């Protein structure tokens, strides 16, 4: 598991490859690339950079929403926990034929915890975010 606070994201983005599959046979390089894409989008939301957040979404997501402004407006209103995430913890990815699910445990701006499941797709030589399912995390011990 990996936990990251939002203020450290800018530093991490310089360390994580986000646009190249360095070694297809190395799951760790794939995982680092996927984490880098998710972190880059969360950082883009945090800095209100609609173009950057939009550029990390899959073609299907872009076609559905039509513009960066509409996309970011939807995330801001429908996924405030992601838009204003205060911390992220990356869990083990779940591979599927043709895509991958990256589970993320996060704390939203309201202090509540959430389970986010990012659907990641490989297109145009990079990982892109094809969707997110978000649900409130179960209270635990």
N, C-alpha and C. Protein backbone atom coordinates (compact mmCIF):
# COMPACT_ATOMS: atom_id res chain seq x y z
N UNK A 1 0.83 -1.17 0.00
CA UNK A 1 0.00 0.00 0.00
C UNK A 1 0.88 1.24 0.00
N UNK A 2 0.35 2.29 -0.60
CA UNK A 2 1.11 3.52 -0.71
C UNK A 2 0.20 4.68 -0.39
N UNK A 3 0.59 5.52 0.55
CA UNK A 3 -0.23 6.65 0.95
C UNK A 3 0.50 7.94 0.61
N UNK A 4 -0.23 8.91 0.05
CA UNK A 4 0.39 10.14 -0.42
C UNK A 4 -0.50 11.32 -0.07
N UNK A 5 0.07 12.36 0.50
CA UNK A 5 -0.65 13.60 0.74
C UNK A 5 -0.59 14.48 -0.49
N UNK A 6 -1.61 15.25 -0.71
CA UNK A 6 -1.69 16.11 -1.90
C UNK A 6 -0.49 17.05 -2.03
N UNK A 7 0.04 17.67 -0.96
CA UNK A 7 1.17 18.58 -1.14
C UNK A 7 2.42 17.92 -1.73
N UNK A 8 2.53 16.61 -1.58
CA UNK A 8 3.73 15.94 -2.11
C UNK A 8 3.57 15.51 -3.57
N UNK A 9 2.38 15.66 -4.10
CA UNK A 9 2.14 15.18 -5.46
C UNK A 9 3.05 15.85 -6.48
N UNK A 10 3.23 17.14 -6.40
CA UNK A 10 4.06 17.83 -7.39
C UNK A 10 5.46 17.24 -7.42
N UNK A 11 6.00 16.92 -6.26
CA UNK A 11 7.33 16.31 -6.23
C UNK A 11 7.32 14.92 -6.83
N UNK A 12 6.28 14.16 -6.54
CA UNK A 12 6.21 12.80 -7.04
C UNK A 12 6.02 12.74 -8.55
N UNK A 13 5.31 13.71 -9.09
CA UNK A 13 5.07 13.68 -10.52
C UNK A 13 6.36 13.72 -11.32
N UNK A 14 7.36 14.38 -10.79
CA UNK A 14 8.65 14.40 -11.46
C UNK A 14 9.37 13.08 -11.39
N UNK A 15 8.98 12.23 -10.44
CA UNK A 15 9.67 10.96 -10.25
C UNK A 15 8.97 9.78 -10.90
N UNK A 16 7.70 9.94 -11.22
CA UNK A 16 6.93 8.82 -11.73
C UNK A 16 6.71 8.99 -13.23
N UNK A 17 7.03 7.96 -13.99
CA UNK A 17 6.78 8.00 -15.44
C UNK A 17 5.29 7.95 -15.68
N UNK A 18 4.77 8.89 -16.46
CA UNK A 18 3.33 8.92 -16.69
C UNK A 18 2.93 8.66 -18.13
N UNK A 19 3.86 8.71 -19.05
CA UNK A 19 3.43 8.59 -20.44
C UNK A 19 4.12 7.47 -21.20
N UNK A 20 4.96 6.70 -20.56
CA UNK A 20 5.69 5.67 -21.29
C UNK A 20 5.59 4.36 -20.54
N UNK A 21 5.34 3.30 -21.25
CA UNK A 21 5.42 1.96 -20.68
C UNK A 21 6.87 1.56 -20.75
N UNK A 22 7.61 1.78 -19.67
CA UNK A 22 9.05 1.56 -19.68
C UNK A 22 9.40 0.11 -19.99
N UNK A 23 8.69 -0.84 -19.40
CA UNK A 23 8.99 -2.24 -19.60
C UNK A 23 7.70 -3.02 -19.44
N UNK A 24 7.16 -3.49 -20.54
CA UNK A 24 5.87 -4.14 -20.52
C UNK A 24 5.88 -5.35 -19.60
N UNK A 25 7.03 -6.00 -19.44
CA UNK A 25 7.11 -7.20 -18.61
C UNK A 25 7.27 -6.88 -17.12
N UNK A 26 7.39 -5.64 -16.75
CA UNK A 26 7.60 -5.27 -15.36
C UNK A 26 6.34 -4.65 -14.78
N UNK A 27 5.59 -5.44 -14.01
CA UNK A 27 4.34 -4.91 -13.44
C UNK A 27 4.57 -3.64 -12.61
N UNK A 28 5.71 -3.53 -11.94
CA UNK A 28 5.95 -2.34 -11.12
C UNK A 28 6.02 -1.08 -11.97
N UNK A 29 6.63 -1.15 -13.15
CA UNK A 29 6.68 0.04 -14.01
C UNK A 29 5.29 0.41 -14.50
N UNK A 30 4.46 -0.59 -14.78
CA UNK A 30 3.07 -0.33 -15.17
C UNK A 30 2.33 0.34 -14.02
N UNK A 31 2.51 -0.19 -12.84
CA UNK A 31 1.84 0.37 -11.66
C UNK A 31 2.27 1.80 -11.41
N UNK A 32 3.56 2.07 -11.52
CA UNK A 32 4.05 3.43 -11.30
C UNK A 32 3.47 4.39 -12.35
N UNK A 33 3.34 3.93 -13.57
CA UNK A 33 2.76 4.77 -14.63
C UNK A 33 1.30 5.08 -14.33
N UNK A 34 0.56 4.07 -13.89
CA UNK A 34 -0.86 4.25 -13.57
C UNK A 34 -1.02 5.20 -12.38
N UNK A 35 -0.24 5.00 -11.35
CA UNK A 35 -0.27 5.90 -10.19
C UNK A 35 0.05 7.32 -10.62
N UNK A 36 1.04 7.46 -11.49
CA UNK A 36 1.41 8.79 -11.98
C UNK A 36 0.28 9.50 -12.70
N UNK A 37 -0.49 8.77 -13.50
CA UNK A 37 -1.61 9.37 -14.22
C UNK A 37 -2.70 9.82 -13.24
N UNK A 38 -3.02 8.97 -12.28
CA UNK A 38 -4.04 9.33 -11.30
C UNK A 38 -3.60 10.53 -10.47
N UNK A 39 -2.35 10.50 -10.00
CA UNK A 39 -1.83 11.64 -9.24
C UNK A 39 -1.84 12.93 -10.06
N UNK A 40 -1.47 12.82 -11.32
CA UNK A 40 -1.45 14.01 -12.18
C UNK A 40 -2.85 14.59 -12.33
N UNK A 41 -3.86 13.73 -12.46
CA UNK A 41 -5.21 14.25 -12.60
C UNK A 41 -5.71 14.87 -11.29
N UNK A 42 -5.43 14.23 -10.16
CA UNK A 42 -5.83 14.81 -8.87
C UNK A 42 -5.15 16.15 -8.66
N UNK A 43 -3.87 16.25 -9.01
CA UNK A 43 -3.16 17.52 -8.90
C UNK A 43 -3.75 18.56 -9.84
N UNK A 44 -4.15 18.14 -11.03
CA UNK A 44 -4.79 19.08 -11.97
C UNK A 44 -6.11 19.60 -11.39
N UNK A 45 -6.89 18.73 -10.76
CA UNK A 45 -8.12 19.19 -10.11
C UNK A 45 -7.78 20.18 -9.00
N UNK A 46 -6.77 19.86 -8.20
CA UNK A 46 -6.39 20.72 -7.06
C UNK A 46 -5.96 22.10 -7.51
N UNK A 47 -5.38 22.20 -8.71
CA UNK A 47 -4.92 23.50 -9.21
C UNK A 47 -5.86 24.09 -10.27
N UNK A 48 -7.07 23.52 -10.37
CA UNK A 48 -8.07 23.98 -11.35
C UNK A 48 -7.54 24.03 -12.77
N UNK A 49 -6.75 23.04 -13.13
CA UNK A 49 -6.20 22.94 -14.48
C UNK A 49 -7.06 21.96 -15.29
N UNK A 50 -8.14 22.48 -15.85
CA UNK A 50 -9.10 21.66 -16.58
C UNK A 50 -8.47 20.97 -17.78
N UNK A 51 -7.62 21.66 -18.51
CA UNK A 51 -6.99 21.08 -19.71
C UNK A 51 -6.15 19.86 -19.35
N UNK A 52 -5.36 19.97 -18.29
CA UNK A 52 -4.51 18.85 -17.88
C UNK A 52 -5.35 17.67 -17.39
N UNK A 53 -6.35 17.92 -16.56
CA UNK A 53 -7.23 16.85 -16.07
C UNK A 53 -7.92 16.15 -17.24
N UNK A 54 -8.39 16.93 -18.19
CA UNK A 54 -9.06 16.44 -19.39
C UNK A 54 -8.13 15.57 -20.22
N UNK A 55 -6.89 15.99 -20.36
CA UNK A 55 -5.92 15.25 -21.17
C UNK A 55 -5.58 13.88 -20.62
N UNK A 56 -5.88 13.61 -19.36
CA UNK A 56 -5.60 12.33 -18.74
C UNK A 56 -6.80 11.38 -18.79
N UNK A 57 -7.92 11.89 -19.28
CA UNK A 57 -9.12 11.07 -19.44
C UNK A 57 -9.07 10.34 -20.78
N UNK A 58 -9.70 9.18 -20.83
CA UNK A 58 -9.74 8.38 -22.07
C UNK A 58 -10.53 9.11 -23.15
N UNK A 59 -10.34 8.66 -24.38
CA UNK A 59 -11.10 9.23 -25.51
C UNK A 59 -12.61 9.08 -25.28
N UNK A 60 -13.03 7.94 -24.73
CA UNK A 60 -14.46 7.72 -24.50
C UNK A 60 -15.02 8.74 -23.50
N UNK A 61 -14.27 9.03 -22.45
CA UNK A 61 -14.71 10.03 -21.47
C UNK A 61 -14.76 11.40 -22.13
N UNK A 62 -13.75 11.72 -22.92
CA UNK A 62 -13.74 13.02 -23.60
C UNK A 62 -14.91 13.15 -24.56
N UNK A 63 -15.24 12.08 -25.27
CA UNK A 63 -16.38 12.13 -26.18
C UNK A 63 -17.69 12.32 -25.41
N UNK A 64 -17.78 11.69 -24.26
CA UNK A 64 -19.02 11.78 -23.47
C UNK A 64 -19.25 13.19 -22.96
N UNK A 65 -18.19 13.89 -22.52
CA UNK A 65 -18.37 15.20 -21.90
C UNK A 65 -18.10 16.37 -22.84
N UNK A 66 -17.36 16.16 -23.91
CA UNK A 66 -17.23 17.16 -24.95
C UNK A 66 -16.24 18.29 -24.74
N UNK A 67 -15.97 18.69 -23.51
CA UNK A 67 -15.02 19.78 -23.27
C UNK A 67 -14.41 19.66 -21.88
N UNK A 68 -13.22 20.24 -21.69
CA UNK A 68 -12.60 20.20 -20.37
C UNK A 68 -13.46 20.85 -19.29
N UNK A 69 -14.12 21.94 -19.62
CA UNK A 69 -14.93 22.66 -18.64
C UNK A 69 -16.12 21.83 -18.16
N UNK A 70 -16.80 21.17 -19.10
CA UNK A 70 -17.95 20.33 -18.74
C UNK A 70 -17.47 19.15 -17.90
N UNK A 71 -16.36 18.53 -18.31
CA UNK A 71 -15.80 17.39 -17.58
C UNK A 71 -15.44 17.78 -16.14
N UNK A 72 -14.68 18.85 -15.98
CA UNK A 72 -14.25 19.26 -14.64
C UNK A 72 -15.45 19.71 -13.80
N UNK A 73 -16.42 20.36 -14.42
CA UNK A 73 -17.63 20.74 -13.70
C UNK A 73 -18.37 19.52 -13.16
N UNK A 74 -18.43 18.45 -13.96
CA UNK A 74 -19.07 17.22 -13.52
C UNK A 74 -18.30 16.62 -12.35
N UNK A 75 -16.98 16.55 -12.45
CA UNK A 75 -16.18 15.97 -11.36
C UNK A 75 -16.35 16.80 -10.09
N UNK A 76 -16.31 18.11 -10.23
CA UNK A 76 -16.45 18.99 -9.07
C UNK A 76 -17.79 18.76 -8.36
N UNK A 77 -18.88 18.59 -9.11
CA UNK A 77 -20.19 18.45 -8.48
C UNK A 77 -20.54 17.01 -8.10
N UNK A 78 -20.12 16.03 -8.90
CA UNK A 78 -20.50 14.64 -8.65
C UNK A 78 -19.46 13.83 -7.87
N UNK A 79 -18.21 14.27 -7.91
CA UNK A 79 -17.11 13.55 -7.24
C UNK A 79 -16.27 14.51 -6.40
N UNK A 80 -16.88 15.22 -5.46
CA UNK A 80 -16.10 16.19 -4.67
C UNK A 80 -14.98 15.54 -3.87
N UNK A 81 -15.14 14.28 -3.48
CA UNK A 81 -14.08 13.60 -2.73
C UNK A 81 -12.82 13.45 -3.57
N UNK A 82 -12.99 13.25 -4.87
CA UNK A 82 -11.84 13.14 -5.77
C UNK A 82 -11.33 14.53 -6.13
N UNK A 83 -12.25 15.44 -6.42
CA UNK A 83 -11.85 16.79 -6.81
C UNK A 83 -11.03 17.48 -5.73
N UNK A 84 -11.37 17.24 -4.47
CA UNK A 84 -10.66 17.89 -3.37
C UNK A 84 -9.95 16.91 -2.46
N UNK A 85 -9.50 15.79 -3.01
CA UNK A 85 -8.87 14.74 -2.19
C UNK A 85 -7.71 15.31 -1.37
N UNK A 86 -7.66 14.89 -0.11
CA UNK A 86 -6.60 15.34 0.79
C UNK A 86 -5.50 14.30 0.97
N UNK A 87 -5.82 13.03 0.77
CA UNK A 87 -4.80 11.98 0.81
C UNK A 87 -5.25 10.82 -0.04
N UNK A 88 -4.28 10.08 -0.55
CA UNK A 88 -4.54 8.93 -1.42
C UNK A 88 -3.68 7.76 -0.96
N UNK A 89 -4.27 6.57 -0.98
CA UNK A 89 -3.51 5.35 -0.70
C UNK A 89 -3.81 4.38 -1.83
N UNK A 90 -2.78 4.00 -2.57
CA UNK A 90 -2.94 3.11 -3.72
C UNK A 90 -2.83 1.66 -3.27
N UNK A 91 -3.86 0.89 -3.59
CA UNK A 91 -3.90 -0.53 -3.25
C UNK A 91 -3.44 -1.34 -4.46
N UNK A 92 -3.45 -2.65 -4.34
CA UNK A 92 -2.99 -3.51 -5.43
C UNK A 92 -3.94 -3.41 -6.62
N UNK A 93 -3.40 -3.22 -7.83
CA UNK A 93 -4.25 -3.15 -9.02
C UNK A 93 -4.89 -4.51 -9.33
N UNK A 94 -6.02 -4.46 -10.02
CA UNK A 94 -6.76 -5.66 -10.40
C UNK A 94 -6.81 -5.72 -11.92
N UNK A 95 -6.03 -6.62 -12.54
CA UNK A 95 -6.03 -6.71 -14.00
C UNK A 95 -7.28 -7.40 -14.54
N UNK A 96 -7.74 -6.92 -15.68
CA UNK A 96 -8.85 -7.51 -16.42
C UNK A 96 -8.44 -7.54 -17.89
N UNK A 97 -9.04 -8.40 -18.69
CA UNK A 97 -8.71 -8.39 -20.12
C UNK A 97 -9.06 -7.03 -20.75
N UNK A 98 -8.06 -6.33 -21.25
CA UNK A 98 -8.28 -5.07 -21.95
C UNK A 98 -8.27 -3.82 -21.08
N UNK A 99 -8.24 -3.97 -19.77
CA UNK A 99 -8.18 -2.81 -18.89
C UNK A 99 -7.68 -3.24 -17.51
N UNK A 100 -7.54 -2.29 -16.62
CA UNK A 100 -7.06 -2.56 -15.26
C UNK A 100 -7.85 -1.68 -14.30
N UNK A 101 -8.14 -2.20 -13.13
CA UNK A 101 -8.79 -1.42 -12.08
C UNK A 101 -7.73 -1.08 -11.03
N UNK A 102 -7.58 0.20 -10.73
CA UNK A 102 -6.65 0.65 -9.70
C UNK A 102 -7.47 1.13 -8.50
N UNK A 103 -7.55 0.33 -7.44
CA UNK A 103 -8.25 0.78 -6.23
C UNK A 103 -7.43 1.84 -5.49
N UNK A 104 -8.12 2.84 -5.00
CA UNK A 104 -7.49 3.93 -4.25
C UNK A 104 -8.37 4.21 -3.03
N UNK A 105 -7.74 4.26 -1.88
CA UNK A 105 -8.42 4.64 -0.64
C UNK A 105 -8.08 6.11 -0.44
N UNK A 106 -9.09 6.97 -0.32
CA UNK A 106 -8.80 8.39 -0.22
C UNK A 106 -9.62 9.07 0.86
N UNK A 107 -9.11 10.21 1.29
CA UNK A 107 -9.83 11.07 2.23
C UNK A 107 -10.25 12.31 1.47
N UNK A 108 -11.53 12.59 1.52
CA UNK A 108 -12.06 13.76 0.83
C UNK A 108 -11.91 15.02 1.66
N UNK A 109 -12.28 16.16 1.10
CA UNK A 109 -12.13 17.44 1.79
C UNK A 109 -13.01 17.56 3.03
N UNK A 110 -14.04 16.72 3.13
CA UNK A 110 -14.92 16.73 4.31
C UNK A 110 -14.41 15.83 5.43
N UNK A 111 -13.25 15.17 5.20
CA UNK A 111 -12.67 14.28 6.21
C UNK A 111 -13.17 12.85 6.14
N UNK A 112 -14.15 12.58 5.27
CA UNK A 112 -14.66 11.22 5.12
C UNK A 112 -13.74 10.41 4.21
N UNK A 113 -13.77 9.10 4.41
CA UNK A 113 -12.93 8.19 3.62
C UNK A 113 -13.77 7.50 2.55
N UNK A 114 -13.11 7.27 1.41
CA UNK A 114 -13.78 6.73 0.24
C UNK A 114 -12.94 5.65 -0.42
N UNK A 115 -13.62 4.69 -1.04
CA UNK A 115 -12.98 3.71 -1.91
C UNK A 115 -13.25 4.15 -3.34
N UNK A 116 -12.18 4.39 -4.08
CA UNK A 116 -12.31 4.77 -5.49
C UNK A 116 -11.72 3.65 -6.32
N UNK A 117 -12.40 3.31 -7.40
CA UNK A 117 -11.95 2.26 -8.31
C UNK A 117 -11.78 2.89 -9.68
N UNK A 118 -10.53 3.16 -10.05
CA UNK A 118 -10.21 3.78 -11.33
C UNK A 118 -10.11 2.72 -12.40
N UNK A 119 -10.89 2.88 -13.46
CA UNK A 119 -10.76 2.00 -14.62
C UNK A 119 -9.72 2.65 -15.53
N UNK A 120 -8.63 1.94 -15.77
CA UNK A 120 -7.52 2.45 -16.56
C UNK A 120 -7.46 1.73 -17.89
N UNK A 121 -7.29 2.50 -18.97
CA UNK A 121 -7.17 1.89 -20.30
C UNK A 121 -5.88 2.36 -20.96
N UNK A 122 -5.31 1.48 -21.75
CA UNK A 122 -4.08 1.77 -22.47
C UNK A 122 -4.47 2.28 -23.85
N UNK A 123 -4.11 3.52 -24.15
CA UNK A 123 -4.40 4.04 -25.49
C UNK A 123 -3.35 5.07 -25.88
N UNK A 124 -3.02 5.07 -27.13
CA UNK A 124 -2.05 6.02 -27.68
C UNK A 124 -0.73 6.00 -26.91
N UNK A 125 -0.30 4.82 -26.44
CA UNK A 125 0.99 4.69 -25.79
C UNK A 125 1.06 5.13 -24.35
N UNK A 126 -0.09 5.30 -23.69
CA UNK A 126 -0.09 5.70 -22.28
C UNK A 126 -1.36 5.20 -21.59
N UNK A 127 -1.30 5.15 -20.29
CA UNK A 127 -2.48 4.83 -19.50
C UNK A 127 -3.35 6.07 -19.38
N UNK A 128 -4.66 5.88 -19.51
CA UNK A 128 -5.61 6.97 -19.37
C UNK A 128 -6.76 6.53 -18.45
N UNK A 129 -7.41 7.47 -17.84
CA UNK A 129 -8.50 7.18 -16.91
C UNK A 129 -9.80 7.08 -17.70
N UNK A 130 -10.42 5.88 -17.64
CA UNK A 130 -11.63 5.62 -18.41
C UNK A 130 -12.88 5.69 -17.55
N UNK A 131 -12.73 5.93 -16.27
CA UNK A 131 -13.87 6.05 -15.39
C UNK A 131 -13.47 5.80 -13.94
N UNK A 132 -14.34 6.21 -13.04
CA UNK A 132 -14.10 6.01 -11.61
C UNK A 132 -15.43 5.65 -10.96
N UNK A 133 -15.40 4.64 -10.11
CA UNK A 133 -16.53 4.32 -9.25
C UNK A 133 -16.11 4.70 -7.84
N UNK A 134 -16.97 5.40 -7.15
CA UNK A 134 -16.64 5.92 -5.83
C UNK A 134 -17.71 5.49 -4.84
N UNK A 135 -17.27 4.96 -3.70
CA UNK A 135 -18.23 4.64 -2.65
C UNK A 135 -17.63 4.95 -1.29
N UNK A 136 -18.46 5.35 -0.38
CA UNK A 136 -18.03 5.68 0.97
C UNK A 136 -17.42 4.44 1.61
N UNK A 137 -16.27 4.59 2.22
CA UNK A 137 -15.58 3.47 2.85
C UNK A 137 -16.34 3.03 4.10
N UNK A 138 -16.33 1.74 4.33
CA UNK A 138 -16.95 1.17 5.52
C UNK A 138 -16.17 1.61 6.75
N UNK A 139 -16.88 1.90 7.80
CA UNK A 139 -16.22 2.24 9.07
C UNK A 139 -15.57 0.97 9.61
N UNK A 140 -14.38 1.11 10.11
CA UNK A 140 -13.66 -0.06 10.63
C UNK A 140 -13.15 0.20 12.02
N UNK A 141 -12.37 -0.73 12.47
CA UNK A 141 -11.80 -0.62 13.83
C UNK A 141 -10.68 0.39 13.83
